[in-house]
Amino acid sequence: MTVMREAIDTTTLGWIKPELDETLRLAQQEIEAYAENPADASRMRLCAEQLHQVHGTLRMVELYAPAMVAEEMERLALALQQGKVADRDEACAALMRGVVLLPDYLERLQGGHRDIPIVLLPLLNELRATRGEAGLNESVLFAPDLDRPLPANLPSALPAAAPTRGATSPHLAALRDALANWPEDGTPSQPEKLSNAIDGLLGEVVLEPVRRMLWVASSVAGALRDGALPATRALRQAFGGVEREARLMLADDGFGAHRSEPAAEPTRQLLYHVAHSDGRHPALDDLRHTFELAAHLPSESELEHAR
């Protein structure tokens, strides 16, 4: 995130924070009223409506981690209204912590400090646990800017050279084969096949969002092939997501006419591995530079301050 982007976010947050604070205060009143009289489930419906408003506003200004907290709080309020929570007192306590911590976190951002989503993970997982949901991994809070322009030296797509597409694409079939020969807890037996297949797919597509995903995948596959990245189960799952998205985007007419762009998850997961790797490779360095990945890794002192 650039200095200009941070300034814009801080200014925007200054405009909307009074409204957010007031909405969270009203939500807190509903939680307190429900805790005193659990028979009145309508309190949780009103609370969920207020949290839905907070969630939408935070999404609009691209504060995704606080928005995730508001979304989990909304889900918990609805679960309480519907009587689907095992420990009502614990759930109310988790909601109270949320309406207290969110304004504090936003005030910290308004003061010019960095958005450090990882400090919100314990609260997110507490809210999920009260609904009986599994905890989230810290990778879900990793949110680089995925709209960065593609490198100028990236080869142009040549659709005319690829007459077979979608499920019949030989490169897509090769990618499936390479993943099939990558055991869940092992290393790919043909890393060069994985890399070549993704490079081939990159030459078949023209839509920029798909090319961006495949460029990231190609860079990571090249580093994996050259031994600069370890082969892990999570990395294999990320490549599986790339194969799935490529298959969906290339379906039917080969140009992804039924979807405007691929899901961001595979690209984000691949970049998460790059950001947390100290492997040296030109392709990895290009990704680190293009997506400014170092800016998404707070120092220990920044983490401590945020906590």
C-alpha atoms as a PDB file:
ATOM      1  CA  MET A   1       0.000   0.000   0.000  1.00  0.00           C
ATOM      2  CA  THR A   2       1.422   3.356  -1.007  1.00  0.00           C
ATOM      3  CA  VAL A   3       1.675   6.425   1.212  1.00  0.00           C
ATOM      4  CA  MET A   4      -1.016   8.125  -0.908  1.00  0.00           C
ATOM      5  CA  ARG A   5      -3.333   5.124  -0.520  1.00  0.00           C
ATOM      6  CA  GLU A   6      -2.810   5.131   3.255  1.00  0.00           C
ATOM      7  CA  ALA A   7      -3.601   8.869   3.392  1.00  0.00           C
ATOM      8  CA  ILE A   8      -6.791   8.373   1.391  1.00  0.00           C
ATOM      9  CA  ASP A   9      -7.870   5.523   3.649  1.00  0.00           C
ATOM     10  CA  THR A  10      -7.191   7.578   6.783  1.00  0.00           C
ATOM     11  CA  THR A  11      -9.195  10.516   5.430  1.00  0.00           C
ATOM     12  CA  THR A  12     -12.102   8.299   4.411  1.00  0.00           C
ATOM     13  CA  LEU A  13     -12.064   6.560   7.768  1.00  0.00           C
ATOM     14  CA  GLY A  14     -12.255   9.947   9.456  1.00  0.00           C
ATOM     15  CA  TRP A  15     -15.486  10.650   7.565  1.00  0.00           C
ATOM     16  CA  ILE A  16     -17.197   7.364   8.333  1.00  0.00           C
ATOM     17  CA  LYS A  17     -15.886   6.493  11.796  1.00  0.00           C
ATOM     18  CA  PRO A  18     -18.431   8.588  13.771  1.00  0.00           C
ATOM     19  CA  GLU A  19     -21.255   6.718  12.038  1.00  0.00           C
ATOM     20  CA  LEU A  20     -19.536   3.363  12.624  1.00  0.00           C
ATOM     21  CA  ASP A  21     -19.011   4.178  16.301  1.00  0.00           C
ATOM     22  CA  GLU A  22     -22.669   5.113  16.711  1.00  0.00           C
ATOM     23  CA  THR A  23     -23.884   1.973  14.928  1.00  0.00           C
ATOM     24  CA  LEU A  24     -21.628  -0.215  17.086  1.00  0.00           C
ATOM     25  CA  ARG A  25     -22.884   1.597  20.191  1.00  0.00           C
ATOM     26  CA  LEU A  26     -26.470   0.758  19.207  1.00  0.00           C
ATOM     27  CA  ALA A  27     -25.434  -2.855  18.591  1.00  0.00           C
ATOM     28  CA  GLN A  28     -23.893  -2.934  22.054  1.00  0.00           C
ATOM     29  CA  GLN A  29     -27.170  -1.758  23.559  1.00  0.00           C
ATOM     30  CA  GLU A  30     -29.020  -4.610  21.847  1.00  0.00           C
ATOM     31  CA  ILE A  31     -26.471  -7.146  23.123  1.00  0.00           C
ATOM     32  CA  GLU A  32     -26.820  -5.855  26.676  1.00  0.00           C
ATOM     33  CA  ALA A  33     -30.618  -5.911  26.458  1.00  0.00           C
ATOM     34  CA  TYR A  34     -30.604  -9.466  25.099  1.00  0.00           C
ATOM     35  CA  ALA A  35     -28.209 -10.630  27.830  1.00  0.00           C
ATOM     36  CA  GLU A  36     -30.658  -9.330  30.440  1.00  0.00           C
ATOM     37  CA  ASN A  37     -33.703 -10.813  28.703  1.00  0.00           C
ATOM     38  CA  PRO A  38     -32.746 -13.740  26.426  1.00  0.00           C
ATOM     39  CA  ALA A  39     -36.423 -14.425  25.705  1.00  0.00           C
ATOM     40  CA  ASP A  40     -36.500 -11.316  23.499  1.00  0.00           C
ATOM     41  CA  ALA A  41     -34.741 -12.688  20.425  1.00  0.00           C
ATOM     42  CA  SER A  42     -35.752  -9.624  18.404  1.00  0.00           C
ATOM     43  CA  ARG A  43     -32.834  -7.831  20.065  1.00  0.00           C
ATOM     44  CA  MET A  44     -30.415 -10.044  18.175  1.00  0.00           C
ATOM     45  CA  ARG A  45     -32.205  -9.395  14.896  1.00  0.00           C
ATOM     46  CA  LEU A  46     -31.733  -5.652  15.385  1.00  0.00           C
ATOM     47  CA  CYS A  47     -28.131  -6.219  16.441  1.00  0.00           C
ATOM     48  CA  ALA A  48     -27.485  -8.272  13.288  1.00  0.00           C
ATOM     49  CA  GLU A  49     -28.952  -5.497  11.118  1.00  0.00           C
ATOM     50  CA  GLN A  50     -26.630  -2.936  12.685  1.00  0.00           C
ATOM     51  CA  LEU A  51     -23.613  -5.212  12.295  1.00  0.00           C
ATOM     52  CA  HIS A  52     -24.568  -5.821   8.666  1.00  0.00           C
ATOM     53  CA  GLN A  53     -24.407  -2.065   8.106  1.00  0.00           C
ATOM     54  CA  VAL A  54     -20.956  -1.912   9.735  1.00  0.00           C
ATOM     55  CA  HIS A  55     -19.767  -4.850   7.641  1.00  0.00           C
ATOM     56  CA  GLY A  56     -20.914  -3.225   4.389  1.00  0.00           C
ATOM     57  CA  THR A  57     -19.300   0.113   5.224  1.00  0.00           C
ATOM     58  CA  LEU A  58     -15.970  -1.473   6.111  1.00  0.00           C
ATOM     59  CA  ARG A  59     -16.008  -3.508   2.893  1.00  0.00           C
ATOM     60  CA  MET A  60     -16.719  -0.365   0.918  1.00  0.00           C
ATOM     61  CA  VAL A  61     -13.561   1.318   2.249  1.00  0.00           C
ATOM     62  CA  GLU A  62     -11.575  -1.918   1.766  1.00  0.00           C
ATOM     63  CA  LEU A  63     -10.847  -2.557   5.438  1.00  0.00           C
ATOM     64  CA  TYR A  64     -11.284  -6.267   4.933  1.00  0.00           C
ATOM     65  CA  ALA A  65     -10.103  -7.654   8.276  1.00  0.00           C
ATOM     66  CA  PRO A  66     -12.364  -5.389  10.397  1.00  0.00           C
ATOM     67  CA  ALA A  67     -15.142  -6.186   7.902  1.00  0.00           C
ATOM     68  CA  MET A  68     -14.590  -9.907   8.525  1.00  0.00           C
ATOM     69  CA  VAL A  69     -14.965  -9.308  12.265  1.00  0.00           C
ATOM     70  CA  ALA A  70     -18.252  -7.452  11.706  1.00  0.00           C
ATOM     71  CA  GLU A  71     -19.456 -10.248   9.409  1.00  0.00           C
ATOM     72  CA  GLU A  72     -18.662 -12.942  11.990  1.00  0.00           C
ATOM     73  CA  MET A  73     -20.417 -10.874  14.658  1.00  0.00           C
ATOM     74  CA  GLU A  74     -23.488 -10.576  12.423  1.00  0.00           C
ATOM     75  CA  ARG A  75     -23.542 -14.348  11.892  1.00  0.00           C
ATOM     76  CA  LEU A  76     -23.257 -14.947  15.612  1.00  0.00           C
ATOM     77  CA  ALA A  77     -26.106 -12.513  16.360  1.00  0.00           C
ATOM     78  CA  LEU A  78     -28.316 -14.332  13.846  1.00  0.00           C
ATOM     79  CA  ALA A  79     -27.367 -17.690  15.360  1.00  0.00           C
ATOM     80  CA  LEU A  80     -28.372 -16.370  18.787  1.00  0.00           C
ATOM     81  CA  GLN A  81     -31.683 -15.129  17.410  1.00  0.00           C
ATOM     82  CA  GLN A  82     -32.368 -18.555  15.908  1.00  0.00           C
ATOM     83  CA  GLY A  83     -31.361 -20.403  19.095  1.00  0.00           C
ATOM     84  CA  LYS A  84     -28.447 -22.177  17.392  1.00  0.00           C
ATOM     85  CA  VAL A  85     -25.740 -21.308  19.943  1.00  0.00           C
ATOM     86  CA  ALA A  86     -24.809 -23.783  22.683  1.00  0.00           C
ATOM     87  CA  ASP A  87     -23.438 -21.259  25.202  1.00  0.00           C
ATOM     88  CA  ARG A  88     -25.482 -18.073  25.068  1.00  0.00           C
ATOM     89  CA  ASP A  89     -23.465 -16.241  27.718  1.00  0.00           C
ATOM     90  CA  GLU A  90     -20.175 -16.990  25.988  1.00  0.00           C
ATOM     91  CA  ALA A  91     -21.611 -15.771  22.678  1.00  0.00           C
ATOM     92  CA  CYS A  92     -22.826 -12.508  24.217  1.00  0.00           C
ATOM     93  CA  ALA A  93     -19.406 -11.982  25.798  1.00  0.00           C
ATOM     94  CA  ALA A  94     -17.715 -12.527  22.421  1.00  0.00           C
ATOM     95  CA  LEU A  95     -20.057 -10.013  20.780  1.00  0.00           C
ATOM     96  CA  MET A  96     -19.329  -7.483  23.525  1.00  0.00           C
ATOM     97  CA  ARG A  97     -15.596  -7.881  22.971  1.00  0.00           C
ATOM     98  CA  GLY A  98     -16.161  -7.274  19.281  1.00  0.00           C
ATOM     99  CA  VAL A  99     -18.139  -4.033  19.697  1.00  0.00           C
ATOM    100  CA  VAL A 100     -15.451  -2.765  22.090  1.00  0.00           C
ATOM    101  CA  LEU A 101     -12.370  -3.815  20.088  1.00  0.00           C
ATOM    102  CA  LEU A 102     -13.516  -2.760  16.620  1.00  0.00           C
ATOM    103  CA  PRO A 103     -13.758   0.990  17.438  1.00  0.00           C
ATOM    104  CA  ASP A 104     -10.356   0.805  19.131  1.00  0.00           C
ATOM    105  CA  TYR A 105      -8.800  -0.853  16.096  1.00  0.00           C
ATOM    106  CA  LEU A 106     -10.349   1.706  13.743  1.00  0.00           C
ATOM    107  CA  GLU A 107      -9.170   4.552  15.968  1.00  0.00           C
ATOM    108  CA  ARG A 108      -5.654   3.168  15.706  1.00  0.00           C
ATOM    109  CA  LEU A 109      -5.898   3.206  11.901  1.00  0.00           C
ATOM    110  CA  GLN A 110      -7.303   6.721  11.983  1.00  0.00           C
ATOM    111  CA  GLY A 111      -4.231   7.739  13.952  1.00  0.00           C
ATOM    112  CA  GLY A 112      -2.051   6.786  10.997  1.00  0.00           C
ATOM    113  CA  HIS A 113      -0.904   3.337  12.126  1.00  0.00           C
ATOM    114  CA  ARG A 114      -0.743   0.411   9.712  1.00  0.00           C
ATOM    115  CA  ASP A 115      -3.589  -2.000   9.240  1.00  0.00           C
ATOM    116  CA  ILE A 116      -2.265  -5.207  10.848  1.00  0.00           C
ATOM    117  CA  PRO A 117      -5.086  -7.731  10.395  1.00  0.00           C
ATOM    118  CA  ILE A 118      -3.353 -10.601  12.188  1.00  0.00           C
ATOM    119  CA  VAL A 119      -4.093  -9.041  15.590  1.00  0.00           C
ATOM    120  CA  LEU A 120      -7.822  -9.531  14.893  1.00  0.00           C
ATOM    121  CA  LEU A 121      -7.451 -13.281  14.296  1.00  0.00           C
ATOM    122  CA  PRO A 122      -8.022 -14.337  17.959  1.00  0.00           C
ATOM    123  CA  LEU A 123     -11.293 -12.383  18.036  1.00  0.00           C
ATOM    124  CA  LEU A 124     -12.373 -13.806  14.678  1.00  0.00           C
ATOM    125  CA  ASN A 125     -11.750 -17.356  15.845  1.00  0.00           C
ATOM    126  CA  GLU A 126     -13.474 -16.750  19.175  1.00  0.00           C
ATOM    127  CA  LEU A 127     -16.579 -15.552  17.342  1.00  0.00           C
ATOM    128  CA  ARG A 128     -16.460 -18.590  15.045  1.00  0.00           C
ATOM    129  CA  ALA A 129     -15.897 -21.020  17.910  1.00  0.00           C
ATOM    130  CA  THR A 130     -19.073 -19.903  19.674  1.00  0.00           C
ATOM    131  CA  ARG A 131     -20.975 -20.977  16.548  1.00  0.00           C
ATOM    132  CA  GLY A 132     -19.127 -24.284  16.434  1.00  0.00           C
ATOM    133  CA  GLU A 133     -17.095 -23.259  13.379  1.00  0.00           C
ATOM    134  CA  ALA A 134     -13.451 -24.158  12.808  1.00  0.00           C
ATOM    135  CA  GLY A 135     -10.814 -21.501  13.342  1.00  0.00           C
ATOM    136  CA  LEU A 136      -9.239 -19.591  10.470  1.00  0.00           C
ATOM    137  CA  ASN A 137      -5.586 -19.618   9.478  1.00  0.00           C
ATOM    138  CA  GLU A 138      -3.691 -16.331   9.423  1.00  0.00           C
ATOM    139  CA  SER A 139      -3.411 -16.604   5.643  1.00  0.00           C
ATOM    140  CA  VAL A 140      -7.072 -15.555   5.280  1.00  0.00           C
ATOM    141  CA  LEU A 141      -6.091 -12.084   6.532  1.00  0.00           C
ATOM    142  CA  PHE A 142      -3.355 -11.672   3.940  1.00  0.00           C
ATOM    143  CA  ALA A 143      -4.736  -9.146   1.447  1.00  0.00           C
ATOM    144  CA  PRO A 144      -2.263  -7.700  -1.070  1.00  0.00           C
ATOM    145  CA  ASP A 145      -3.526  -5.525  -3.906  1.00  0.00           C
ATOM    146  CA  LEU A 146      -4.347  -8.052  -6.628  1.00  0.00           C
ATOM    147  CA  ASP A 147      -5.114  -5.387  -9.227  1.00  0.00           C
ATOM    148  CA  ARG A 148      -1.494  -4.485  -9.834  1.00  0.00           C
ATOM    149  CA  PRO A 149      -0.601  -4.190 -13.548  1.00  0.00           C
ATOM    150  CA  LEU A 150       1.038  -7.095 -15.296  1.00  0.00           C
ATOM    151  CA  PRO A 151       4.761  -6.822 -16.148  1.00  0.00           C
ATOM    152  CA  ALA A 152       5.446  -5.056 -19.420  1.00  0.00           C
ATOM    153  CA  ASN A 153       7.717  -7.898 -20.564  1.00  0.00           C
ATOM    154  CA  LEU A 154       5.037 -10.591 -20.188  1.00  0.00           C
ATOM    155  CA  PRO A 155       4.562 -12.369 -23.559  1.00  0.00           C
ATOM    156  CA  SER A 156       1.302 -11.525 -25.308  1.00  0.00           C
ATOM    157  CA  ALA A 157      -1.390 -14.170 -25.512  1.00  0.00           C
ATOM    158  CA  LEU A 158      -1.771 -15.828 -28.892  1.00  0.00           C
ATOM    159  CA  PRO A 159      -5.282 -17.294 -28.922  1.00  0.00           C
ATOM    160  CA  ALA A 160      -5.064 -18.259 -32.566  1.00  0.00           C
ATOM    161  CA  ALA A 161      -2.228 -20.630 -31.731  1.00  0.00           C
ATOM    162  CA  ALA A 162      -4.406 -22.546 -29.281  1.00  0.00           C
ATOM    163  CA  PRO A 163      -7.400 -24.014 -31.136  1.00  0.00           C
ATOM    164  CA  THR A 164      -8.420 -26.376 -28.312  1.00  0.00           C
ATOM    165  CA  ARG A 165      -9.654 -24.822 -25.111  1.00  0.00           C
ATOM    166  CA  GLY A 166     -11.510 -25.375 -21.901  1.00  0.00           C
ATOM    167  CA  ALA A 167     -11.672 -28.969 -20.726  1.00  0.00           C
ATOM    168  CA  THR A 168      -9.876 -30.106 -23.926  1.00  0.00           C
ATOM    169  CA  SER A 169      -6.846 -27.829 -23.526  1.00  0.00           C
ATOM    170  CA  PRO A 170      -3.688 -29.966 -23.540  1.00  0.00           C
ATOM    171  CA  HIS A 171      -2.033 -27.550 -21.112  1.00  0.00           C
ATOM    172  CA  LEU A 172      -4.936 -27.856 -18.688  1.00  0.00           C
ATOM    173  CA  ALA A 173      -4.739 -31.643 -18.968  1.00  0.00           C
ATOM    174  CA  ALA A 174      -0.992 -31.471 -18.332  1.00  0.00           C
ATOM    175  CA  LEU A 175      -1.586 -29.331 -15.247  1.00  0.00           C
ATOM    176  CA  ARG A 176      -4.069 -31.892 -13.896  1.00  0.00           C
ATOM    177  CA  ASP A 177      -1.538 -34.678 -14.520  1.00  0.00           C
ATOM    178  CA  ALA A 178       1.223 -32.743 -12.758  1.00  0.00           C
ATOM    179  CA  LEU A 179      -1.015 -32.214  -9.715  1.00  0.00           C
ATOM    180  CA  ALA A 180      -2.037 -35.882  -9.751  1.00  0.00           C
ATOM    181  CA  ASN A 181       1.662 -36.738  -9.475  1.00  0.00           C
ATOM    182  CA  TRP A 182       2.118 -34.435  -6.492  1.00  0.00           C
ATOM    183  CA  PRO A 183       1.276 -36.420  -3.329  1.00  0.00           C
ATOM    184  CA  GLU A 184      -0.606 -34.578  -0.564  1.00  0.00           C
ATOM    185  CA  ASP A 185       2.363 -34.802   1.803  1.00  0.00           C
ATOM    186  CA  GLY A 186       5.167 -35.102  -0.687  1.00  0.00           C
ATOM    187  CA  THR A 187       6.908 -33.321  -3.532  1.00  0.00           C
ATOM    188  CA  PRO A 188       5.818 -33.157  -7.185  1.00  0.00           C
ATOM    189  CA  SER A 189       7.447 -35.877  -9.226  1.00  0.00           C
ATOM    190  CA  GLN A 190       7.376 -33.645 -12.334  1.00  0.00           C
ATOM    191  CA  PRO A 191       7.844 -30.017 -11.246  1.00  0.00           C
ATOM    192  CA  GLU A 192       8.978 -29.056 -14.729  1.00  0.00           C
ATOM    193  CA  LYS A 193       5.679 -30.398 -16.133  1.00  0.00           C
ATOM    194  CA  LEU A 194       3.763 -28.232 -13.672  1.00  0.00           C
ATOM    195  CA  SER A 195       5.726 -25.164 -14.726  1.00  0.00           C
ATOM    196  CA  ASN A 196       5.427 -25.870 -18.465  1.00  0.00           C
ATOM    197  CA  ALA A 197       1.681 -26.500 -18.224  1.00  0.00           C
ATOM    198  CA  ILE A 198       1.019 -23.175 -16.512  1.00  0.00           C
ATOM    199  CA  ASP A 199       3.267 -21.336 -18.981  1.00  0.00           C
ATOM    200  CA  GLY A 200       1.255 -22.924 -21.785  1.00  0.00           C
ATOM    201  CA  LEU A 201      -2.041 -21.834 -20.246  1.00  0.00           C
ATOM    202  CA  LEU A 202      -0.706 -18.307 -19.891  1.00  0.00           C
ATOM    203  CA  GLY A 203      -0.289 -18.240 -23.668  1.00  0.00           C
ATOM    204  CA  GLU A 204      -3.907 -19.302 -24.202  1.00  0.00           C
ATOM    205  CA  VAL A 205      -5.760 -16.578 -22.287  1.00  0.00           C
ATOM    206  CA  VAL A 206      -6.395 -12.937 -23.050  1.00  0.00           C
ATOM    207  CA  LEU A 207      -8.383 -11.729 -20.025  1.00  0.00           C
ATOM    208  CA  GLU A 208      -6.060  -9.765 -17.755  1.00  0.00           C
ATOM    209  CA  PRO A 209      -7.354 -11.150 -14.396  1.00  0.00           C
ATOM    210  CA  VAL A 210      -6.765 -14.709 -15.632  1.00  0.00           C
ATOM    211  CA  ARG A 211      -3.357 -13.807 -17.006  1.00  0.00           C
ATOM    212  CA  ARG A 212      -2.451 -12.212 -13.667  1.00  0.00           C
ATOM    213  CA  MET A 213      -3.368 -15.392 -11.785  1.00  0.00           C
ATOM    214  CA  LEU A 214      -1.436 -17.548 -14.243  1.00  0.00           C
ATOM    215  CA  TRP A 215       1.588 -15.229 -14.202  1.00  0.00           C
ATOM    216  CA  VAL A 216       1.762 -15.520 -10.410  1.00  0.00           C
ATOM    217  CA  ALA A 217       1.319 -19.290 -10.672  1.00  0.00           C
ATOM    218  CA  SER A 218       3.975 -19.499 -13.396  1.00  0.00           C
ATOM    219  CA  SER A 219       6.451 -17.534 -11.271  1.00  0.00           C
ATOM    220  CA  VAL A 220       5.843 -19.709  -8.202  1.00  0.00           C
ATOM    221  CA  ALA A 221       5.983 -22.924 -10.257  1.00  0.00           C
ATOM    222  CA  GLY A 222       9.320 -21.845 -11.731  1.00  0.00           C
ATOM    223  CA  ALA A 223      10.733 -21.190  -8.278  1.00  0.00           C
ATOM    224  CA  LEU A 224       9.393 -24.553  -7.083  1.00  0.00           C
ATOM    225  CA  ARG A 225      10.972 -26.295 -10.073  1.00  0.00           C
ATOM    226  CA  ASP A 226      14.329 -24.646  -9.324  1.00  0.00           C
ATOM    227  CA  GLY A 227      14.237 -25.576  -5.624  1.00  0.00           C
ATOM    228  CA  ALA A 228      13.735 -22.024  -4.322  1.00  0.00           C
ATOM    229  CA  LEU A 229      10.406 -22.896  -2.652  1.00  0.00           C
ATOM    230  CA  PRO A 230       9.561 -25.960  -0.557  1.00  0.00           C
ATOM    231  CA  ALA A 231       6.718 -28.182  -1.742  1.00  0.00           C
ATOM    232  CA  THR A 232       4.011 -28.138   0.932  1.00  0.00           C
ATOM    233  CA  ARG A 233       0.444 -29.379   1.130  1.00  0.00           C
ATOM    234  CA  ALA A 234      -0.838 -25.793   1.272  1.00  0.00           C
ATOM    235  CA  LEU A 235       1.125 -24.862  -1.843  1.00  0.00           C
ATOM    236  CA  ARG A 236      -0.290 -27.867  -3.676  1.00  0.00           C
ATOM    237  CA  GLN A 237      -3.793 -26.786  -2.667  1.00  0.00           C
ATOM    238  CA  ALA A 238      -3.105 -23.304  -4.051  1.00  0.00           C
ATOM    239  CA  PHE A 239      -2.079 -24.788  -7.407  1.00  0.00           C
ATOM    240  CA  GLY A 240      -5.199 -26.940  -7.284  1.00  0.00           C
ATOM    241  CA  GLY A 241      -7.183 -23.719  -6.987  1.00  0.00           C
ATOM    242  CA  VAL A 242      -5.372 -22.337 -10.033  1.00  0.00           C
ATOM    243  CA  GLU A 243      -6.305 -25.425 -12.055  1.00  0.00           C
ATOM    244  CA  ARG A 244      -9.937 -25.170 -10.956  1.00  0.00           C
ATOM    245  CA  GLU A 245     -10.204 -21.471 -11.807  1.00  0.00           C
ATOM    246  CA  ALA A 246      -8.451 -21.925 -15.161  1.00  0.00           C
ATOM    247  CA  ARG A 247     -10.853 -24.736 -16.023  1.00  0.00           C
ATOM    248  CA  LEU A 248     -13.880 -22.608 -15.168  1.00  0.00           C
ATOM    249  CA  MET A 249     -12.601 -19.531 -16.971  1.00  0.00           C
ATOM    250  CA  LEU A 250     -11.663 -21.448 -20.122  1.00  0.00           C
ATOM    251  CA  ALA A 251     -14.903 -23.419 -20.251  1.00  0.00           C
ATOM    252  CA  ASP A 252     -17.249 -23.346 -23.225  1.00  0.00           C
ATOM    253  CA  ASP A 253     -15.957 -20.617 -25.546  1.00  0.00           C
ATOM    254  CA  GLY A 254     -12.457 -20.423 -24.109  1.00  0.00           C
ATOM    255  CA  PHE A 255     -12.703 -16.778 -23.185  1.00  0.00           C
ATOM    256  CA  GLY A 256     -14.473 -16.980 -19.818  1.00  0.00           C
ATOM    257  CA  ALA A 257     -17.598 -15.293 -21.180  1.00  0.00           C
ATOM    258  CA  HIS A 258     -19.695 -16.593 -18.294  1.00  0.00           C
ATOM    259  CA  ARG A 259     -17.419 -15.137 -15.596  1.00  0.00           C
ATOM    260  CA  SER A 260     -15.736 -11.749 -15.571  1.00  0.00           C
ATOM    261  CA  GLU A 261     -12.682 -12.875 -13.608  1.00  0.00           C
ATOM    262  CA  PRO A 262     -11.343 -15.810 -11.577  1.00  0.00           C
ATOM    263  CA  ALA A 263     -11.689 -16.081  -7.832  1.00  0.00           C
ATOM    264  CA  ALA A 264      -8.854 -14.281  -6.076  1.00  0.00           C
ATOM    265  CA  GLU A 265      -8.143 -17.036  -3.547  1.00  0.00           C
ATOM    266  CA  PRO A 266      -5.534 -19.067  -5.522  1.00  0.00           C
ATOM    267  CA  THR A 267      -3.548 -15.919  -6.382  1.00  0.00           C
ATOM    268  CA  ARG A 268      -3.704 -14.670  -2.795  1.00  0.00           C
ATOM    269  CA  GLN A 269      -2.615 -18.043  -1.411  1.00  0.00           C
ATOM    270  CA  LEU A 270       0.349 -18.253  -3.777  1.00  0.00           C
ATOM    271  CA  LEU A 271       1.457 -14.727  -2.848  1.00  0.00           C
ATOM    272  CA  TYR A 272       1.119 -15.600   0.843  1.00  0.00           C
ATOM    273  CA  HIS A 273       3.677 -18.368   0.371  1.00  0.00           C
ATOM    274  CA  VAL A 274       6.002 -16.005  -1.479  1.00  0.00           C
ATOM    275  CA  ALA A 275       5.687 -13.300   1.192  1.00  0.00           C
ATOM    276  CA  HIS A 276       6.552 -15.752   3.966  1.00  0.00           C
ATOM    277  CA  SER A 277       9.420 -17.388   2.099  1.00  0.00           C
ATOM    278  CA  ASP A 278      13.056 -16.293   2.194  1.00  0.00           C
ATOM    279  CA  GLY A 279      13.811 -18.196  -1.014  1.00  0.00           C
ATOM    280  CA  ARG A 280      15.884 -16.286  -3.530  1.00  0.00           C
ATOM    281  CA  HIS A 281      14.750 -16.496  -7.135  1.00  0.00           C
ATOM    282  CA  PRO A 282      14.273 -13.821  -9.828  1.00  0.00           C
ATOM    283  CA  ALA A 283      10.622 -14.785 -10.304  1.00  0.00           C
ATOM    284  CA  LEU A 284       9.929 -14.531  -6.576  1.00  0.00           C
ATOM    285  CA  ASP A 285      11.677 -11.169  -6.412  1.00  0.00           C
ATOM    286  CA  ASP A 286       9.478  -9.913  -9.258  1.00  0.00           C
ATOM    287  CA  LEU A 287       6.357 -10.936  -7.342  1.00  0.00           C
ATOM    288  CA  ARG A 288       7.612  -9.337  -4.126  1.00  0.00           C
ATOM    289  CA  HIS A 289       8.272  -6.085  -5.982  1.00  0.00           C
ATOM    290  CA  THR A 290       5.084  -6.028  -8.065  1.00  0.00           C
ATOM    291  CA  PHE A 291       2.718  -6.723  -5.160  1.00  0.00           C
ATOM    292  CA  GLU A 292       4.801  -4.893  -2.509  1.00  0.00           C
ATOM    293  CA  LEU A 293       4.663  -8.007  -0.346  1.00  0.00           C
ATOM    294  CA  ALA A 294       7.118  -6.698   2.248  1.00  0.00           C
ATOM    295  CA  ALA A 295       4.545  -4.057   3.216  1.00  0.00           C
ATOM    296  CA  HIS A 296       2.202  -6.851   4.320  1.00  0.00           C
ATOM    297  CA  LEU A 297       4.658  -8.313   6.816  1.00  0.00           C
ATOM    298  CA  PRO A 298       4.638  -6.200  10.008  1.00  0.00           C
ATOM    299  CA  SER A 299       7.676  -6.104  12.238  1.00  0.00           C
ATOM    300  CA  GLU A 300       7.576  -7.478  15.784  1.00  0.00           C
ATOM    301  CA  SER A 301       7.439  -3.950  17.186  1.00  0.00           C
ATOM    302  CA  GLU A 302       4.454  -3.098  14.936  1.00  0.00           C
ATOM    303  CA  LEU A 303       2.687  -6.277  16.000  1.00  0.00           C
ATOM    304  CA  GLU A 304       3.266  -5.550  19.656  1.00  0.00           C
ATOM    305  CA  HIS A 305       1.992  -1.993  19.265  1.00  0.00           C
ATOM    306  CA  ALA A 306      -1.134  -3.196  17.467  1.00  0.00           C
ATOM    307  CA  ARG A 307      -1.821  -5.789  20.143  1.00  0.00           C
END
